[in-house]
Amino acid sequence: MALRIIFMGTPDFSVPTLEALAQAGHEIVAVYSQPPRPAGRRGLERVKSPVHQAAERLGLPVFTPLNFREEADRAAFRALKADVAVVVAYGLLLPEAILTGTRLGCYNGHASLLPRWRGAAPIQRAIMAGDAQTGMMVMQMEKGLDTGPVALTHRVAISDTMTAGELHDTLMQAGGPLMVEAMAKLEAGDLPLTPQAQEGVLYAAKIDKAETRIDFSRPAGDVHNHIRGLSPFPGAWFELPVAGKPERVKVLASARAADTTAKAAGTVLDDRLTVACGDGGAVRLVRLQKAGGKPLDAADFLRGTPVAAGQVIG
């Protein structure tokens, strides 16, 4: 037997789950994704989402409603007569008409250990907060934001050097097998559902551009977590004077360093781009990228952009 599934997702994070469900033999009756968006420098070309492109490779019908406010879009969803909808990073808060528009409801693949980090940016927020672990969860969706009962959990350790990009890829690959297992249990009628705890609720707000600038006056651990939590995108950054003008430099990797003997925050301490932080600790900037340039290891970056010990940056 196989379930009739509507899959709903948009970014590359969602693609392995779509592919895993198809490979498991389920009937994907339709794929929903965000509409094609302008891309490129001038935004002249509209590009289909990674899920849209993956669905076309699999020969699956794709729908891209802007939202589900129109009754025609809701009716088209119900008319598919699906058993269940699977949602992974779709990008829309679904109305009740969609949540109840299939025989068995909607199940979401969410990248955190709920109720910690509900919302839009759980991967980045977990690293920025210095969490030691996170996970991929399958949960039953309801009207609240990531509030539904949890079915299955796959836990992942977060090392002190792991970036958001690395954690993204780890959780992305875990999501497919976990959702396949959940759908098998749902089909058999033995999928466990556990209500979320009322304590420990945190919301993972979308990353705002205003919070991407590095503040070296913060403790070294916070600075390091901030850098790796925003790497590779959108990227934490500082300003460096170049030819008398401030130039933005992204930091894509960093490492904790020895204490600074109380140098002023932002002071470059050596020829390896070790920078003093506000608590007397320090971070070493390991990989950097100037605007319009390619990512460089610190040694290569310093060959083209000298930064002297004693200089204050940021």
Protein backbone atom coordinates (compact mmCIF):
# COMPACT_ATOMS: atom_id res chain seq x y z
CA MET A 1 0.00 0.00 0.00
CA ALA A 2 1.06 3.61 -0.49
CA LEU A 3 -0.25 6.94 0.68
CA ARG A 4 -1.53 9.66 -1.62
CA ILE A 5 0.68 12.57 -0.57
CA ILE A 6 0.67 16.28 -1.31
CA PHE A 7 4.20 17.59 -0.78
CA MET A 8 4.72 21.24 0.15
CA GLY A 9 8.20 22.76 0.21
CA THR A 10 10.40 25.39 -1.40
CA PRO A 11 14.20 25.47 -0.73
CA ASP A 12 16.90 22.87 -1.28
CA PHE A 13 16.41 21.76 2.35
CA SER A 14 13.07 20.21 1.32
CA VAL A 15 14.26 18.29 -1.74
CA PRO A 16 15.71 15.14 -0.07
CA THR A 17 12.42 14.54 1.73
CA LEU A 18 10.43 14.83 -1.50
CA GLU A 19 12.81 12.42 -3.22
CA ALA A 20 12.77 9.97 -0.30
CA LEU A 21 8.96 9.82 -0.26
CA ALA A 22 8.86 9.19 -4.00
CA GLN A 23 11.52 6.48 -3.73
CA ALA A 24 9.57 4.85 -0.90
CA GLY A 25 6.73 4.20 -3.34
CA HIS A 26 4.20 6.75 -2.16
CA GLU A 27 2.00 8.44 -4.75
CA ILE A 28 2.91 12.11 -4.82
CA VAL A 29 -0.29 13.52 -6.30
CA ALA A 30 0.94 17.12 -6.34
CA VAL A 31 3.79 19.35 -5.21
CA TYR A 32 3.19 22.85 -3.88
CA SER A 33 6.00 25.40 -3.84
CA GLN A 34 6.50 29.14 -3.65
CA PRO A 35 6.09 30.90 -7.01
CA PRO A 36 9.18 31.54 -9.17
CA ARG A 37 11.06 34.59 -7.91
CA PRO A 38 13.22 37.20 -9.66
CA ALA A 39 16.90 36.32 -9.61
CA GLY A 40 20.17 37.67 -10.90
CA ARG A 41 21.57 41.15 -10.66
CA ARG A 42 18.67 42.87 -12.32
CA GLY A 43 16.00 40.39 -11.30
CA LEU A 44 14.83 40.04 -14.89
CA GLU A 45 14.63 36.24 -14.87
CA ARG A 46 12.16 34.42 -12.65
CA VAL A 47 13.64 31.23 -11.23
CA LYS A 48 11.73 28.19 -10.05
CA SER A 49 12.41 27.00 -6.51
CA PRO A 50 14.63 23.94 -5.87
CA VAL A 51 11.53 21.90 -4.95
CA HIS A 52 9.75 23.03 -8.12
CA GLN A 53 12.71 21.92 -10.21
CA ALA A 54 13.00 18.60 -8.36
CA ALA A 55 9.29 17.91 -8.87
CA GLU A 56 9.61 18.50 -12.59
CA ARG A 57 12.55 16.07 -12.75
CA LEU A 58 10.32 13.51 -11.07
CA GLY A 59 7.46 14.22 -13.47
CA LEU A 60 5.16 15.54 -10.73
CA PRO A 61 2.52 18.26 -11.15
CA VAL A 62 3.46 21.54 -9.44
CA PHE A 63 1.20 24.26 -8.04
CA THR A 64 2.51 27.68 -6.99
CA PRO A 65 -0.30 29.74 -5.44
CA LEU A 66 0.81 33.01 -3.90
CA ASN A 67 -1.25 32.09 -0.84
CA PHE A 68 -4.43 30.17 -0.07
CA ARG A 69 -6.78 33.11 0.37
CA GLU A 70 -8.65 32.31 -2.84
CA GLU A 71 -11.34 29.68 -2.48
CA ALA A 72 -10.37 28.30 -5.88
CA ASP A 73 -6.91 27.39 -4.55
CA ARG A 74 -8.39 25.75 -1.44
CA ALA A 75 -10.87 23.80 -3.55
CA ALA A 76 -8.11 22.61 -5.89
CA PHE A 77 -6.17 21.35 -2.88
CA ARG A 78 -9.16 19.41 -1.52
CA ALA A 79 -9.97 18.04 -4.97
CA LEU A 80 -6.69 16.12 -4.99
CA LYS A 81 -8.26 13.80 -2.38
CA ALA A 82 -4.88 13.15 -0.76
CA ASP A 83 -4.40 11.03 2.33
CA VAL A 84 -1.89 13.44 3.87
CA ALA A 85 0.11 16.59 3.21
CA VAL A 86 3.84 16.65 4.03
CA VAL A 87 5.31 20.11 4.63
CA VAL A 88 9.03 20.93 4.78
CA ALA A 89 10.05 24.61 4.73
CA TYR A 90 7.18 25.63 2.48
CA GLY A 91 7.33 29.28 3.54
CA LEU A 92 3.64 29.98 4.22
CA LEU A 93 1.55 29.78 7.38
CA LEU A 94 -1.16 27.39 6.24
CA PRO A 95 -4.84 28.19 6.90
CA GLU A 96 -7.10 25.71 8.61
CA ALA A 97 -8.76 24.86 5.30
CA ILE A 98 -5.46 23.38 4.12
CA LEU A 99 -4.52 21.79 7.44
CA THR A 100 -7.80 19.85 7.31
CA GLY A 101 -7.88 19.43 3.53
CA THR A 102 -6.60 15.85 3.49
CA ARG A 103 -7.87 12.64 5.09
CA LEU A 104 -5.09 12.42 7.71
CA GLY A 105 -4.02 16.05 8.04
CA CYS A 106 -0.63 17.72 7.59
CA TYR A 107 2.77 16.64 8.93
CA ASN A 108 5.75 18.96 9.09
CA GLY A 109 9.49 18.24 9.02
CA HIS A 110 10.94 20.83 11.43
CA ALA A 111 14.63 21.44 12.14
CA SER A 112 14.74 21.84 15.92
CA LEU A 113 13.94 20.07 19.17
CA LEU A 114 10.51 21.54 19.78
CA PRO A 115 9.29 23.48 21.67
CA ARG A 116 12.73 25.11 21.45
CA TRP A 117 13.12 27.21 18.29
CA ARG A 118 9.68 27.33 16.78
CA GLY A 119 9.53 29.45 13.66
CA ALA A 120 11.55 30.55 10.67
CA ALA A 121 15.26 30.25 11.52
CA PRO A 122 15.76 27.33 13.94
CA ILE A 123 19.12 26.22 12.51
CA GLN A 124 20.78 29.62 12.78
CA ARG A 125 19.25 30.41 16.17
CA ALA A 126 20.38 27.13 17.71
CA ILE A 127 24.02 27.80 16.80
CA MET A 128 23.88 31.50 17.68
CA ALA A 129 22.60 30.52 21.14
CA GLY A 130 25.43 28.01 21.61
CA ASP A 131 23.14 24.97 21.78
CA ALA A 132 24.96 21.65 22.08
CA GLN A 133 22.31 19.69 20.20
CA THR A 134 19.32 20.06 17.95
CA GLY A 135 17.37 17.69 15.76
CA MET A 136 14.91 16.97 13.00
CA MET A 137 11.32 16.38 14.06
CA VAL A 138 8.14 15.22 12.39
CA MET A 139 5.14 16.91 13.94
CA GLN A 140 1.43 17.04 13.25
CA MET A 141 0.48 20.55 12.17
CA GLU A 142 -2.21 22.66 13.77
CA LYS A 143 -3.18 26.35 13.61
CA GLY A 144 -0.42 27.58 15.96
CA LEU A 145 3.16 28.21 14.82
CA ASP A 146 4.94 24.83 15.22
CA THR A 147 2.77 23.97 18.22
CA GLY A 148 1.46 20.54 17.20
CA PRO A 149 2.27 17.18 18.78
CA VAL A 150 5.58 15.52 17.88
CA ALA A 151 5.69 12.13 16.18
CA LEU A 152 9.38 11.28 15.60
CA THR A 153 12.73 12.86 16.51
CA HIS A 154 16.27 12.52 15.14
CA ARG A 155 18.83 14.23 17.40
CA VAL A 156 22.03 15.83 16.11
CA ALA A 157 25.01 17.07 18.14
CA ILE A 158 26.29 20.58 17.38
CA SER A 159 30.06 20.78 17.66
CA ASP A 160 31.84 23.99 18.68
CA THR A 161 33.00 24.54 15.09
CA MET A 162 29.86 23.58 13.17
CA THR A 163 28.40 26.31 10.97
CA ALA A 164 24.77 26.87 10.08
CA GLY A 165 25.53 25.61 6.57
CA GLU A 166 26.98 22.35 7.89
CA LEU A 167 24.10 21.82 10.30
CA HIS A 168 21.62 22.63 7.52
CA ASP A 169 23.08 19.88 5.34
CA THR A 170 23.14 17.34 8.19
CA LEU A 171 19.50 17.94 9.09
CA MET A 172 18.47 18.07 5.43
CA GLN A 173 19.76 14.53 4.89
CA ALA A 174 18.16 13.29 8.11
CA GLY A 175 14.74 14.63 7.14
CA GLY A 176 14.01 12.22 4.31
CA PRO A 177 14.40 8.89 6.16
CA LEU A 178 12.62 10.31 9.21
CA MET A 179 9.59 11.39 7.17
CA VAL A 180 9.50 8.06 5.31
CA GLU A 181 9.44 6.27 8.68
CA ALA A 182 6.68 8.58 9.91
CA MET A 183 4.53 7.97 6.83
CA ALA A 184 4.96 4.21 7.15
CA LYS A 185 3.78 4.37 10.76
CA LEU A 186 0.92 6.69 9.80
CA GLU A 187 -0.20 4.29 7.09
CA ALA A 188 -0.07 1.40 9.58
CA GLY A 189 -2.05 3.39 12.15
CA ASP A 190 0.67 3.38 14.80
CA LEU A 191 2.32 6.80 14.51
CA PRO A 192 2.90 8.07 18.07
CA LEU A 193 1.94 11.67 18.85
CA THR A 194 3.29 13.39 21.95
CA PRO A 195 2.12 16.88 22.96
CA GLN A 196 4.90 19.43 23.21
CA ALA A 197 6.07 20.54 26.65
CA GLN A 198 4.69 23.82 27.92
CA GLU A 199 8.10 24.84 29.26
CA GLY A 200 11.16 25.80 27.20
CA VAL A 201 9.32 27.50 24.35
CA LEU A 202 11.60 29.71 22.23
CA TYR A 203 10.90 31.38 18.89
CA ALA A 204 13.43 31.42 16.06
CA ALA A 205 12.74 34.78 14.46
CA LYS A 206 13.81 35.33 10.88
CA ILE A 207 17.36 36.68 10.67
CA ASP A 208 17.30 40.47 10.31
CA LYS A 209 20.06 42.22 8.38
CA ALA A 210 20.52 44.60 11.30
CA GLU A 211 21.78 41.79 13.53
CA THR A 212 24.42 40.43 11.15
CA ARG A 213 27.14 42.95 12.07
CA ILE A 214 29.76 41.54 14.45
CA ASP A 215 29.97 43.23 17.83
CA PHE A 216 33.41 42.45 19.24
CA SER A 217 32.41 44.01 22.57
CA ARG A 218 30.38 40.87 23.28
CA PRO A 219 31.95 37.82 24.96
CA ALA A 220 34.22 35.76 22.72
CA GLY A 221 31.92 32.74 22.83
CA ASP A 222 28.98 34.82 21.68
CA VAL A 223 31.01 36.36 18.85
CA HIS A 224 32.16 32.92 17.68
CA ASN A 225 28.60 31.53 17.81
CA HIS A 226 27.29 34.58 15.97
CA ILE A 227 29.79 34.07 13.14
CA ARG A 228 29.19 30.36 12.65
CA GLY A 229 25.42 30.74 13.11
CA LEU A 230 25.30 33.12 10.13
CA SER A 231 27.73 31.20 7.90
CA PRO A 232 27.59 30.98 4.96
CA PHE A 233 24.42 33.05 4.60
CA PRO A 234 23.72 35.86 5.20
CA GLY A 235 27.17 36.11 6.76
CA ALA A 236 28.37 37.99 9.85
CA TRP A 237 30.52 40.99 8.97
CA PHE A 238 32.66 43.87 10.21
CA GLU A 239 34.00 47.01 8.59
CA LEU A 240 37.69 47.35 7.75
CA PRO A 241 39.28 50.62 6.62
CA VAL A 242 40.67 50.12 3.10
CA ALA A 243 42.27 53.09 1.33
CA GLY A 244 40.64 55.38 3.85
CA LYS A 245 37.15 54.01 3.31
CA PRO A 246 35.23 51.42 5.35
CA GLU A 247 34.81 48.14 3.48
CA ARG A 248 32.50 45.35 4.59
CA VAL A 249 34.15 41.97 5.22
CA LYS A 250 32.19 38.79 5.91
CA VAL A 251 33.59 36.23 8.32
CA LEU A 252 32.64 32.70 7.28
CA ALA A 253 34.61 30.80 9.93
CA SER A 254 36.21 31.57 13.27
CA ALA A 255 37.84 29.81 16.20
CA ARG A 256 38.11 30.52 19.91
CA ALA A 257 41.52 31.87 20.91
CA ALA A 258 43.45 32.48 24.12
CA ASP A 259 42.61 35.37 26.46
CA THR A 260 43.72 38.83 25.40
CA THR A 261 45.13 40.21 28.65
CA ALA A 262 42.35 42.77 28.56
CA LYS A 263 43.04 44.46 25.23
CA ALA A 264 40.26 46.74 23.99
CA ALA A 265 37.47 44.92 22.14
CA GLY A 266 38.10 44.82 18.40
CA THR A 267 41.89 45.04 18.72
CA VAL A 268 43.80 42.82 16.30
CA LEU A 269 46.27 40.90 18.47
CA ASP A 270 48.63 39.22 16.01
CA ASP A 271 49.34 38.41 12.36
CA ARG A 272 46.71 35.63 12.30
CA LEU A 273 43.67 37.92 12.66
CA THR A 274 43.05 37.12 16.30
CA VAL A 275 40.70 39.79 17.65
CA ALA A 276 40.03 40.81 21.25
CA CYS A 277 36.47 40.54 22.54
CA GLY A 278 34.63 42.22 25.37
CA ASP A 279 35.12 39.62 28.08
CA GLY A 280 38.90 39.41 27.79
CA GLY A 281 38.62 36.46 25.41
CA ALA A 282 39.38 36.46 21.71
CA VAL A 283 38.37 34.92 18.41
CA ARG A 284 40.52 34.11 15.42
CA LEU A 285 38.98 34.98 12.06
CA VAL A 286 39.67 31.90 9.94
CA ARG A 287 37.88 32.49 6.63
CA LEU A 288 36.82 35.82 5.19
CA GLN A 289 35.20 37.32 2.11
CA LYS A 290 35.27 40.90 0.87
CA ALA A 291 32.29 42.30 -1.03
CA GLY A 292 32.42 40.96 -4.57
CA GLY A 293 35.36 38.70 -3.77
CA LYS A 294 35.76 34.99 -3.18
CA PRO A 295 36.10 33.34 0.25
CA LEU A 296 39.72 33.23 1.45
CA ASP A 297 41.55 31.66 4.33
CA ALA A 298 42.98 34.28 6.68
CA ALA A 299 46.55 33.94 5.41
CA ASP A 300 45.47 34.51 1.80
CA PHE A 301 43.18 37.37 2.83
CA LEU A 302 46.05 39.13 4.64
CA ARG A 303 48.29 38.92 1.59
CA GLY A 304 45.90 41.14 -0.33
CA THR A 305 44.56 43.18 2.59
CA PRO A 306 47.17 43.73 5.32
CA VAL A 307 45.78 44.15 8.84
CA ALA A 308 48.36 45.10 11.45
CA ALA A 309 48.48 43.96 15.06
CA GLY A 310 47.16 46.74 17.25
CA GLN A 311 44.63 47.92 14.68
CA VAL A 312 41.05 48.18 15.93
CA ILE A 313 38.40 46.76 13.60
CA GLY A 314 34.64 46.59 13.65
